[in-house]
Amino acid sequence: LVRQDAQRELRPELFARVTTVVFSRLDYGIQCQVAEVLVEKELVQQ
């Protein structure tokens, strides 16, 4: 469905030239995993 939305709004020539990749919505559980990665990244930088 997202591909269909994009093909309606963007130039059709674009889709013949690229690999289209659809990213998922981040639900609560995934965002918790993201939080752990971000915290560790900040700790490493400090």
All heavy atoms as atom14 arrays in JSON, in Angstrom:
{
  "sequence": "LVRQDAQRELRPELFARVTTVVFSRLDYGIQCQVAEVLVEKELVQQ",
  "atom14_mask": [
    [1, 1, 1, 1, 1, 1, 1, 1, 0, 0, 0, 0, 0, 0],
    [1, 1, 1, 1, 1, 1, 1, 0, 0, 0, 0, 0, 0, 0],
    [1, 1, 1, 1, 1, 1, 1, 1, 1, 1, 1, 0, 0, 0],
    [1, 1, 1, 1, 1, 1, 1, 1, 1, 0, 0, 0, 0, 0],
    [1, 1, 1, 1, 1, 1, 1, 1, 0, 0, 0, 0, 0, 0],
    [1, 1, 1, 1, 1, 0, 0, 0, 0, 0, 0, 0, 0, 0],
    [1, 1, 1, 1, 1, 1, 1, 1, 1, 0, 0, 0, 0, 0],
    [1, 1, 1, 1, 1, 1, 1, 1, 1, 1, 1, 0, 0, 0],
    [1, 1, 1, 1, 1, 1, 1, 1, 1, 0, 0, 0, 0, 0],
    [1, 1, 1, 1, 1, 1, 1, 1, 0, 0, 0, 0, 0, 0],
    [1, 1, 1, 1, 1, 1, 1, 1, 1, 1, 1, 0, 0, 0],
    [1, 1, 1, 1, 1, 1, 1, 0, 0, 0, 0, 0, 0, 0],
    [1, 1, 1, 1, 1, 1, 1, 1, 1, 0, 0, 0, 0, 0],
    [1, 1, 1, 1, 1, 1, 1, 1, 0, 0, 0, 0, 0, 0],
    [1, 1, 1, 1, 1, 1, 1, 1, 1, 1, 1, 0, 0, 0],
    [1, 1, 1, 1, 1, 0, 0, 0, 0, 0, 0, 0, 0, 0],
    [1, 1, 1, 1, 1, 1, 1, 1, 1, 1, 1, 0, 0, 0],
    [1, 1, 1, 1, 1, 1, 1, 0, 0, 0, 0, 0, 0, 0],
    [1, 1, 1, 1, 1, 1, 1, 0, 0, 0, 0, 0, 0, 0],
    [1, 1, 1, 1, 1, 1, 1, 0, 0, 0, 0, 0, 0, 0],
    [1, 1, 1, 1, 1, 1, 1, 0, 0, 0, 0, 0, 0, 0],
    [1, 1, 1, 1, 1, 1, 1, 0, 0, 0, 0, 0, 0, 0],
    [1, 1, 1, 1, 1, 1, 1, 1, 1, 1, 1, 0, 0, 0],
    [1, 1, 1, 1, 1, 1, 0, 0, 0, 0, 0, 0, 0, 0],
    [1, 1, 1, 1, 1, 1, 1, 1, 1, 1, 1, 0, 0, 0],
    [1, 1, 1, 1, 1, 1, 1, 1, 0, 0, 0, 0, 0, 0],
    [1, 1, 1, 1, 1, 1, 1, 1, 0, 0, 0, 0, 0, 0],
    [1, 1, 1, 1, 1, 1, 1, 1, 1, 1, 1, 1, 0, 0],
    [1, 1, 1, 1, 0, 0, 0, 0, 0, 0, 0, 0, 0, 0],
    [1, 1, 1, 1, 1, 1, 1, 1, 0, 0, 0, 0, 0, 0],
    [1, 1, 1, 1, 1, 1, 1, 1, 1, 0, 0, 0, 0, 0],
    [1, 1, 1, 1, 1, 1, 0, 0, 0, 0, 0, 0, 0, 0],
    [1, 1, 1, 1, 1, 1, 1, 1, 1, 0, 0, 0, 0, 0],
    [1, 1, 1, 1, 1, 1, 1, 0, 0, 0, 0, 0, 0, 0],
    [1, 1, 1, 1, 1, 0, 0, 0, 0, 0, 0, 0, 0, 0],
    [1, 1, 1, 1, 1, 1, 1, 1, 1, 0, 0, 0, 0, 0],
    [1, 1, 1, 1, 1, 1, 1, 0, 0, 0, 0, 0, 0, 0],
    [1, 1, 1, 1, 1, 1, 1, 1, 0, 0, 0, 0, 0, 0],
    [1, 1, 1, 1, 1, 1, 1, 0, 0, 0, 0, 0, 0, 0],
    [1, 1, 1, 1, 1, 1, 1, 1, 1, 0, 0, 0, 0, 0],
    [1, 1, 1, 1, 1, 1, 1, 1, 1, 0, 0, 0, 0, 0],
    [1, 1, 1, 1, 1, 1, 1, 1, 1, 0, 0, 0, 0, 0],
    [1, 1, 1, 1, 1, 1, 1, 1, 0, 0, 0, 0, 0, 0],
    [1, 1, 1, 1, 1, 1, 1, 0, 0, 0, 0, 0, 0, 0],
    [1, 1, 1, 1, 1, 1, 1, 1, 1, 0, 0, 0, 0, 0],
    [1, 1, 1, 1, 1, 1, 1, 1, 1, 0, 0, 0, 0, 0]
  ],
  "atom14_positions": [
    [[0.82, -1.21, 0.0], [0.0, 0.0, 0.0], [0.85, 1.27, 0.0], [0.52, 2.25, -0.66], [-0.94, -0.02, 1.2], [-2.01, -1.12, 1.18], [-2.78, -1.16, 2.49], [-2.96, -0.94, 0.0], [0.0, 0.0, 0.0], [0.0, 0.0, 0.0], [0.0, 0.0, 0.0], [0.0, 0.0, 0.0], [0.0, 0.0, 0.0], [0.0, 0.0, 0.0]],
    [[1.96, 1.24, 0.72], [2.84, 2.41, 0.74], [3.49, 2.61, -0.63], [3.62, 3.74, -1.12], [3.92, 2.26, 1.84], [4.99, 3.34, 1.71], [3.26, 2.34, 3.22], [0.0, 0.0, 0.0], [0.0, 0.0, 0.0], [0.0, 0.0, 0.0], [0.0, 0.0, 0.0], [0.0, 0.0, 0.0], [0.0, 0.0, 0.0], [0.0, 0.0, 0.0]],
    [[3.89, 1.53, -1.28], [4.43, 1.63, -2.63], [3.4, 2.25, -3.58], [3.73, 3.09, -4.42], [4.82, 0.25, -3.15], [6.12, -0.31, -2.59], [6.36, -1.72, -3.12], [7.55, -2.31, -2.56], [8.76, -2.23, -3.12], [8.91, -1.55, -4.25], [9.79, -2.81, -2.56], [0.0, 0.0, 0.0], [0.0, 0.0, 0.0], [0.0, 0.0, 0.0]],
    [[2.14, 1.85, -3.44], [1.09, 2.4, -4.29], [0.93, 3.9, -4.07], [0.78, 4.67, -5.03], [-0.23, 1.67, -4.02], [-0.26, 0.24, -4.51], [-1.53, -0.49, -4.12], [-2.41, 0.07, -3.44], [-1.65, -1.75, -4.53], [0.0, 0.0, 0.0], [0.0, 0.0, 0.0], [0.0, 0.0, 0.0], [0.0, 0.0, 0.0], [0.0, 0.0, 0.0]],
    [[0.97, 4.32, -2.79], [0.88, 5.76, -2.49], [2.03, 6.52, -3.16], [1.84, 7.59, -3.75], [0.94, 5.98, -0.98], [-0.36, 5.62, -0.28], [-1.36, 5.4, -0.99], [-0.38, 5.55, 0.95], [0.0, 0.0, 0.0], [0.0, 0.0, 0.0], [0.0, 0.0, 0.0], [0.0, 0.0, 0.0], [0.0, 0.0, 0.0], [0.0, 0.0, 0.0]],
    [[3.24, 5.97, -3.04], [4.42, 6.64, -3.61], [4.34, 6.71, -5.12], [4.69, 7.73, -5.73], [5.68, 5.91, -3.17], [0.0, 0.0, 0.0], [0.0, 0.0, 0.0], [0.0, 0.0, 0.0], [0.0, 0.0, 0.0], [0.0, 0.0, 0.0], [0.0, 0.0, 0.0], [0.0, 0.0, 0.0], [0.0, 0.0, 0.0], [0.0, 0.0, 0.0]],
    [[3.87, 5.64, -5.75], [3.78, 5.62, -7.21], [2.73, 6.6, -7.74], [2.84, 7.08, -8.87], [3.49, 4.2, -7.68], [4.69, 3.28, -7.53], [4.36, 1.82, -7.74], [3.19, 1.45, -7.82], [5.38, 0.98, -7.81], [0.0, 0.0, 0.0], [0.0, 0.0, 0.0], [0.0, 0.0, 0.0], [0.0, 0.0, 0.0], [0.0, 0.0, 0.0]],
    [[1.73, 6.92, -6.91], [0.74, 7.92, -7.3], [1.3, 9.34, -7.21], [0.91, 10.21, -7.98], [-0.52, 7.8, -6.43], [-1.47, 6.69, -6.86], [-2.8, 6.83, -6.17], [-2.7, 6.55, -4.75], [-2.89, 5.35, -4.19], [-3.18, 4.32, -4.95], [-2.79, 5.18, -2.89], [0.0, 0.0, 0.0], [0.0, 0.0, 0.0], [0.0, 0.0, 0.0]],
    [[2.21, 9.57, -6.27], [2.67, 10.93, -6.02], [4.0, 11.28, -6.68], [4.27, 12.45, -6.95], [2.79, 11.16, -4.51], [1.45, 11.13, -3.79], [1.53, 11.68, -2.37], [2.25, 12.67, -2.17], [0.89, 11.1, -1.48], [0.0, 0.0, 0.0], [0.0, 0.0, 0.0], [0.0, 0.0, 0.0], [0.0, 0.0, 0.0], [0.0, 0.0, 0.0]],
    [[4.84, 10.29, -6.92], [6.15, 10.55, -7.49], [6.18, 10.19, -8.98], [5.34, 9.44, -9.47], [7.23, 9.76, -6.74], [7.45, 10.14, -5.28], [8.42, 9.18, -4.62], [7.96, 11.58, -5.15], [0.0, 0.0, 0.0], [0.0, 0.0, 0.0], [0.0, 0.0, 0.0], [0.0, 0.0, 0.0], [0.0, 0.0, 0.0], [0.0, 0.0, 0.0]],
    [[7.16, 10.7, -9.67], [7.29, 10.47, -11.1], [7.51, 8.98, -11.37], [8.38, 8.34, -10.75], [8.47, 11.28, -11.64], [8.34, 12.76, -11.43], [7.89, 13.48, -12.67], [8.95, 13.56, -13.64], [9.86, 14.55, -13.67], [9.82, 15.52, -12.76], [10.77, 14.58, -14.61], [0.0, 0.0, 0.0], [0.0, 0.0, 0.0], [0.0, 0.0, 0.0]],
    [[6.81, 8.4, -12.33], [6.97, 6.96, -12.59], [8.37, 6.59, -13.05], [8.83, 5.48, -12.82], [5.93, 6.68, -13.69], [5.59, 8.01, -14.27], [5.75, 9.0, -13.17], [0.0, 0.0, 0.0], [0.0, 0.0, 0.0], [0.0, 0.0, 0.0], [0.0, 0.0, 0.0], [0.0, 0.0, 0.0], [0.0, 0.0, 0.0], [0.0, 0.0, 0.0]],
    [[9.08, 7.55, -13.71], [10.43, 7.25, -14.17], [11.38, 6.92, -13.02], [12.37, 6.21, -13.2], [11.02, 8.44, -14.94], [10.12, 9.0, -16.04], [9.31, 10.17, -15.53], [8.33, 9.94, -14.82], [9.68, 11.32, -15.85], [0.0, 0.0, 0.0], [0.0, 0.0, 0.0], [0.0, 0.0, 0.0], [0.0, 0.0, 0.0], [0.0, 0.0, 0.0]],
    [[11.1, 7.48, -11.84], [11.98, 7.25, -10.7], [12.02, 5.78, -10.32], [13.09, 5.24, -10.0], [11.51, 8.1, -9.51], [12.29, 7.92, -8.2], [13.73, 8.4, -8.37], [11.61, 8.7, -7.07], [0.0, 0.0, 0.0], [0.0, 0.0, 0.0], [0.0, 0.0, 0.0], [0.0, 0.0, 0.0], [0.0, 0.0, 0.0], [0.0, 0.0, 0.0]],
    [[10.89, 5.12, -10.35], [10.8, 3.75, -9.84], [11.54, 2.76, -10.73], [11.9, 1.67, -10.28], [9.33, 3.35, -9.66], [8.65, 4.13, -8.58], [7.99, 5.32, -8.87], [8.7, 3.71, -7.27], [7.38, 6.05, -7.87], [8.1, 4.44, -6.26], [7.44, 5.62, -6.56], [0.0, 0.0, 0.0], [0.0, 0.0, 0.0], [0.0, 0.0, 0.0]],
    [[11.76, 3.11, -11.97], [12.52, 2.24, -12.87], [14.02, 2.36, -12.63], [14.79, 1.54, -13.13], [12.2, 2.57, -14.31], [0.0, 0.0, 0.0], [0.0, 0.0, 0.0], [0.0, 0.0, 0.0], [0.0, 0.0, 0.0], [0.0, 0.0, 0.0], [0.0, 0.0, 0.0], [0.0, 0.0, 0.0], [0.0, 0.0, 0.0], [0.0, 0.0, 0.0]],
    [[14.42, 3.36, -11.85], [15.85, 3.64, -11.68], [16.37, 3.32, -10.29], [17.58, 3.43, -10.04], [16.11, 5.13, -11.98], [15.89, 5.52, -13.44], [15.79, 7.03, -13.59], [15.88, 7.47, -14.98], [14.88, 7.42, -15.85], [13.7, 6.94, -15.46], [15.05, 7.84, -17.08], [0.0, 0.0, 0.0], [0.0, 0.0, 0.0], [0.0, 0.0, 0.0]],
    [[15.49, 2.96, -9.36], [15.91, 2.78, -7.96], [15.4, 1.46, -7.41], [14.49, 0.83, -7.96], [15.37, 3.93, -7.07], [15.92, 5.27, -7.51], [13.84, 3.93, -7.04], [0.0, 0.0, 0.0], [0.0, 0.0, 0.0], [0.0, 0.0, 0.0], [0.0, 0.0, 0.0], [0.0, 0.0, 0.0], [0.0, 0.0, 0.0], [0.0, 0.0, 0.0]],
    [[16.01, 1.05, -6.31], [15.49, -0.04, -5.49], [14.64, 0.6, -4.39], [15.16, 1.37, -3.57], [16.64, -0.85, -4.86], [17.41, -1.45, -5.91], [16.09, -1.93, -3.94], [0.0, 0.0, 0.0], [0.0, 0.0, 0.0], [0.0, 0.0, 0.0], [0.0, 0.0, 0.0], [0.0, 0.0, 0.0], [0.0, 0.0, 0.0], [0.0, 0.0, 0.0]],
    [[13.36, 0.32, -4.4], [12.45, 0.91, -3.42], [12.43, 0.05, -2.15], [12.23, -1.16, -2.22], [11.03, 1.02, -3.98], [11.07, 1.77, -5.2], [10.1, 1.73, -3.0], [0.0, 0.0, 0.0], [0.0, 0.0, 0.0], [0.0, 0.0, 0.0], [0.0, 0.0, 0.0], [0.0, 0.0, 0.0], [0.0, 0.0, 0.0], [0.0, 0.0, 0.0]],
    [[12.63, 0.7, -1.01], [12.69, 0.0, 0.27], [11.7, 0.66, 1.22], [11.78, 1.87, 1.46], [14.11, 0.06, 0.88], [14.17, -0.74, 2.17], [15.14, -0.45, -0.12], [0.0, 0.0, 0.0], [0.0, 0.0, 0.0], [0.0, 0.0, 0.0], [0.0, 0.0, 0.0], [0.0, 0.0, 0.0], [0.0, 0.0, 0.0], [0.0, 0.0, 0.0]],
    [[10.76, -0.12, 1.76], [9.75, 0.4, 2.69], [10.15, 0.04, 4.12], [10.35, -1.15, 4.44], [8.36, -0.17, 2.37], [7.33, 0.35, 3.38], [7.95, 0.21, 0.94], [0.0, 0.0, 0.0], [0.0, 0.0, 0.0], [0.0, 0.0, 0.0], [0.0, 0.0, 0.0], [0.0, 0.0, 0.0], [0.0, 0.0, 0.0], [0.0, 0.0, 0.0]],
    [[10.27, 1.06, 4.96], [10.65, 0.87, 6.36], [9.41, 0.72, 7.22], [8.4, 1.4, 7.02], [11.47, 2.07, 6.86], [12.87, 2.12, 6.34], [13.14, 2.27, 4.98], [13.94, 2.02, 7.21], [14.43, 2.3, 4.5], [15.25, 2.05, 6.74], [15.49, 2.2, 5.38], [0.0, 0.0, 0.0], [0.0, 0.0, 0.0], [0.0, 0.0, 0.0]],
    [[9.49, -0.16, 8.21], [8.36, -0.42, 9.1], [8.19, 0.68, 10.14], [9.16, 1.36, 10.52], [8.55, -1.75, 9.84], [8.7, -2.82, 8.95], [0.0, 0.0, 0.0], [0.0, 0.0, 0.0], [0.0, 0.0, 0.0], [0.0, 0.0, 0.0], [0.0, 0.0, 0.0], [0.0, 0.0, 0.0], [0.0, 0.0, 0.0], [0.0, 0.0, 0.0]],
    [[6.97, 0.83, 10.62], [6.72, 1.68, 11.78], [7.36, 1.04, 13.01], [7.39, -0.19, 13.15], [5.2, 1.81, 11.99], [4.78, 2.66, 13.17], [3.26, 2.66, 13.27], [2.75, 1.33, 13.56], [2.65, 0.81, 14.78], [3.02, 1.53, 15.83], [2.16, -0.39, 14.96], [0.0, 0.0, 0.0], [0.0, 0.0, 0.0], [0.0, 0.0, 0.0]],
    [[7.89, 1.87, 13.92], [8.52, 1.35, 15.13], [7.5, 1.27, 16.26], [7.08, 2.3, 16.8], [9.7, 2.25, 15.55], [10.83, 2.43, 14.53], [11.94, 3.27, 15.12], [11.36, 1.09, 14.05], [0.0, 0.0, 0.0], [0.0, 0.0, 0.0], [0.0, 0.0, 0.0], [0.0, 0.0, 0.0], [0.0, 0.0, 0.0], [0.0, 0.0, 0.0]],
    [[7.11, 0.05, 16.64], [6.16, -0.09, 17.74], [6.89, 0.07, 19.08], [8.11, 0.28, 19.13], [5.41, -1.42, 17.66], [6.34, -2.63, 17.74], [7.46, -2.52, 18.29], [5.94, -3.71, 17.26], [0.0, 0.0, 0.0], [0.0, 0.0, 0.0], [0.0, 0.0, 0.0], [0.0, 0.0, 0.0], [0.0, 0.0, 0.0], [0.0, 0.0, 0.0]],
    [[6.15, -0.05, 20.16], [6.72, 0.22, 21.49], [7.89, -0.72, 21.8], [8.94, -0.29, 22.29], [5.64, 0.08, 22.56], [6.16, 0.33, 23.97], [6.38, 1.62, 24.43], [6.43, -0.74, 24.82], [6.87, 1.85, 25.71], [6.91, -0.52, 26.1], [7.13, 0.78, 26.54], [7.62, 0.99, 27.8], [0.0, 0.0, 0.0], [0.0, 0.0, 0.0]],
    [[7.71, -2.0, 21.5], [8.76, -2.96, 21.8], [10.04, -2.66, 21.04], [11.15, -2.75, 21.61], [0.0, 0.0, 0.0], [0.0, 0.0, 0.0], [0.0, 0.0, 0.0], [0.0, 0.0, 0.0], [0.0, 0.0, 0.0], [0.0, 0.0, 0.0], [0.0, 0.0, 0.0], [0.0, 0.0, 0.0], [0.0, 0.0, 0.0], [0.0, 0.0, 0.0]],
    [[9.93, -2.3, 19.77], [11.1, -1.97, 18.97], [11.75, -0.7, 19.48], [12.98, -0.59, 19.56], [10.72, -1.82, 17.49], [10.26, -3.16, 16.92], [11.9, -1.29, 16.69], [11.31, -4.24, 16.93], [0.0, 0.0, 0.0], [0.0, 0.0, 0.0], [0.0, 0.0, 0.0], [0.0, 0.0, 0.0], [0.0, 0.0, 0.0], [0.0, 0.0, 0.0]],
    [[10.94, 0.28, 19.87], [11.51, 1.53, 20.38], [12.27, 1.3, 21.69], [13.25, 1.99, 21.97], [10.42, 2.58, 20.57], [9.92, 3.16, 19.26], [9.35, 4.56, 19.41], [9.88, 5.38, 20.15], [8.27, 4.83, 18.7], [0.0, 0.0, 0.0], [0.0, 0.0, 0.0], [0.0, 0.0, 0.0], [0.0, 0.0, 0.0], [0.0, 0.0, 0.0]],
    [[11.85, 0.34, 22.46], [12.62, -0.01, 23.67], [14.0, -0.55, 23.3], [15.0, -0.23, 23.95], [11.86, -1.03, 24.5], [10.37, -0.38, 25.3], [0.0, 0.0, 0.0], [0.0, 0.0, 0.0], [0.0, 0.0, 0.0], [0.0, 0.0, 0.0], [0.0, 0.0, 0.0], [0.0, 0.0, 0.0], [0.0, 0.0, 0.0], [0.0, 0.0, 0.0]],
    [[14.05, -1.36, 22.25], [15.34, -1.85, 21.78], [16.19, -0.71, 21.23], [17.41, -0.66, 21.44], [15.13, -2.91, 20.7], [14.43, -4.17, 21.17], [14.19, -5.14, 20.03], [15.07, -5.38, 19.2], [12.99, -5.7, 19.96], [0.0, 0.0, 0.0], [0.0, 0.0, 0.0], [0.0, 0.0, 0.0], [0.0, 0.0, 0.0], [0.0, 0.0, 0.0]],
    [[15.55, 0.21, 20.52], [16.25, 1.38, 19.99], [16.84, 2.19, 21.14], [17.99, 2.67, 21.06], [15.3, 2.25, 19.15], [15.94, 3.6, 18.81], [14.89, 1.52, 17.87], [0.0, 0.0, 0.0], [0.0, 0.0, 0.0], [0.0, 0.0, 0.0], [0.0, 0.0, 0.0], [0.0, 0.0, 0.0], [0.0, 0.0, 0.0], [0.0, 0.0, 0.0]],
    [[16.08, 2.35, 22.21], [16.55, 3.12, 23.36], [17.84, 2.54, 23.92], [18.77, 3.27, 24.26], [15.47, 3.16, 24.44], [0.0, 0.0, 0.0], [0.0, 0.0, 0.0], [0.0, 0.0, 0.0], [0.0, 0.0, 0.0], [0.0, 0.0, 0.0], [0.0, 0.0, 0.0], [0.0, 0.0, 0.0], [0.0, 0.0, 0.0], [0.0, 0.0, 0.0]],
    [[17.91, 1.23, 24.0], [19.12, 0.59, 24.53], [20.32, 0.87, 23.65], [21.41, 1.17, 24.14], [18.89, -0.91, 24.67], [20.0, -1.62, 25.42], [19.56, -2.9, 26.07], [18.45, -3.37, 25.77], [20.33, -3.44, 26.89], [0.0, 0.0, 0.0], [0.0, 0.0, 0.0], [0.0, 0.0, 0.0], [0.0, 0.0, 0.0], [0.0, 0.0, 0.0]],
    [[20.12, 0.8, 22.33], [21.21, 1.09, 21.4], [21.67, 2.55, 21.55], [22.87, 2.85, 21.58], [20.77, 0.82, 19.95], [21.81, 1.33, 18.96], [20.53, -0.67, 19.73], [0.0, 0.0, 0.0], [0.0, 0.0, 0.0], [0.0, 0.0, 0.0], [0.0, 0.0, 0.0], [0.0, 0.0, 0.0], [0.0, 0.0, 0.0], [0.0, 0.0, 0.0]],
    [[20.7, 3.47, 21.66], [21.04, 4.89, 21.75], [21.75, 5.23, 23.06], [22.68, 6.05, 23.07], [19.76, 5.72, 21.61], [19.09, 5.67, 20.23], [17.72, 6.34, 20.29], [19.96, 6.32, 19.18], [0.0, 0.0, 0.0], [0.0, 0.0, 0.0], [0.0, 0.0, 0.0], [0.0, 0.0, 0.0], [0.0, 0.0, 0.0], [0.0, 0.0, 0.0]],
    [[21.31, 4.62, 24.14], [21.96, 4.86, 25.44], [23.4, 4.38, 25.4], [24.33, 5.08, 25.82], [21.18, 4.16, 26.57], [22.0, 4.15, 27.86], [19.85, 4.88, 26.81], [0.0, 0.0, 0.0], [0.0, 0.0, 0.0], [0.0, 0.0, 0.0], [0.0, 0.0, 0.0], [0.0, 0.0, 0.0], [0.0, 0.0, 0.0], [0.0, 0.0, 0.0]],
    [[23.62, 3.18, 24.87], [24.98, 2.65, 24.8], [25.85, 3.51, 23.89], [27.04, 3.72, 24.18], [24.96, 1.21, 24.32], [24.46, 0.22, 25.36], [25.21, 0.33, 26.69], [26.46, 0.39, 26.67], [24.55, 0.39, 27.74], [0.0, 0.0, 0.0], [0.0, 0.0, 0.0], [0.0, 0.0, 0.0], [0.0, 0.0, 0.0], [0.0, 0.0, 0.0]],
    [[25.29, 4.0, 22.8], [26.05, 4.86, 21.9], [26.5, 6.13, 22.61], [27.65, 6.55, 22.49], [25.19, 5.21, 20.69], [25.88, 6.12, 19.68], [24.96, 6.42, 18.5], [25.63, 7.36, 17.51], [24.73, 7.67, 16.36], [0.0, 0.0, 0.0], [0.0, 0.0, 0.0], [0.0, 0.0, 0.0], [0.0, 0.0, 0.0], [0.0, 0.0, 0.0]],
    [[25.58, 6.74, 23.37], [25.93, 7.96, 24.09], [26.97, 7.69, 25.17], [27.9, 8.48, 25.38], [24.67, 8.59, 24.7], [24.91, 9.87, 25.47], [25.42, 11.02, 24.61], [25.24, 10.99, 23.38], [26.0, 11.97, 25.19], [0.0, 0.0, 0.0], [0.0, 0.0, 0.0], [0.0, 0.0, 0.0], [0.0, 0.0, 0.0], [0.0, 0.0, 0.0]],
    [[26.84, 6.57, 25.88], [27.81, 6.23, 26.92], [29.2, 6.02, 26.32], [30.21, 6.46, 26.89], [27.37, 4.97, 27.67], [26.12, 5.11, 28.55], [25.8, 3.78, 29.23], [26.3, 6.2, 29.59], [0.0, 0.0, 0.0], [0.0, 0.0, 0.0], [0.0, 0.0, 0.0], [0.0, 0.0, 0.0], [0.0, 0.0, 0.0], [0.0, 0.0, 0.0]],
    [[29.26, 5.36, 25.18], [30.55, 5.13, 24.52], [31.19, 6.47, 24.14], [32.39, 6.69, 24.35], [30.37, 4.24, 23.27], [31.63, 4.26, 22.4], [30.05, 2.82, 23.68], [0.0, 0.0, 0.0], [0.0, 0.0, 0.0], [0.0, 0.0, 0.0], [0.0, 0.0, 0.0], [0.0, 0.0, 0.0], [0.0, 0.0, 0.0], [0.0, 0.0, 0.0]],
    [[30.38, 7.38, 23.6], [30.92, 8.68, 23.21], [31.47, 9.44, 24.42], [32.54, 10.07, 24.34], [29.84, 9.51, 22.53], [29.47, 8.99, 21.14], [28.37, 9.81, 20.49], [27.7, 10.62, 21.14], [28.15, 9.6, 19.2], [0.0, 0.0, 0.0], [0.0, 0.0, 0.0], [0.0, 0.0, 0.0], [0.0, 0.0, 0.0], [0.0, 0.0, 0.0]],
    [[30.76, 9.37, 25.55], [31.22, 10.08, 26.74], [32.44, 9.4, 27.36], [33.33, 10.08, 27.9], [30.08, 10.19, 27.76], [28.9, 11.01, 27.28], [29.27, 12.42, 26.85], [30.3, 12.97, 27.26], [28.44, 13.02, 26.01], [0.0, 0.0, 0.0], [0.0, 0.0, 0.0], [0.0, 0.0, 0.0], [0.0, 0.0, 0.0], [0.0, 0.0, 0.0]]
  ]
}
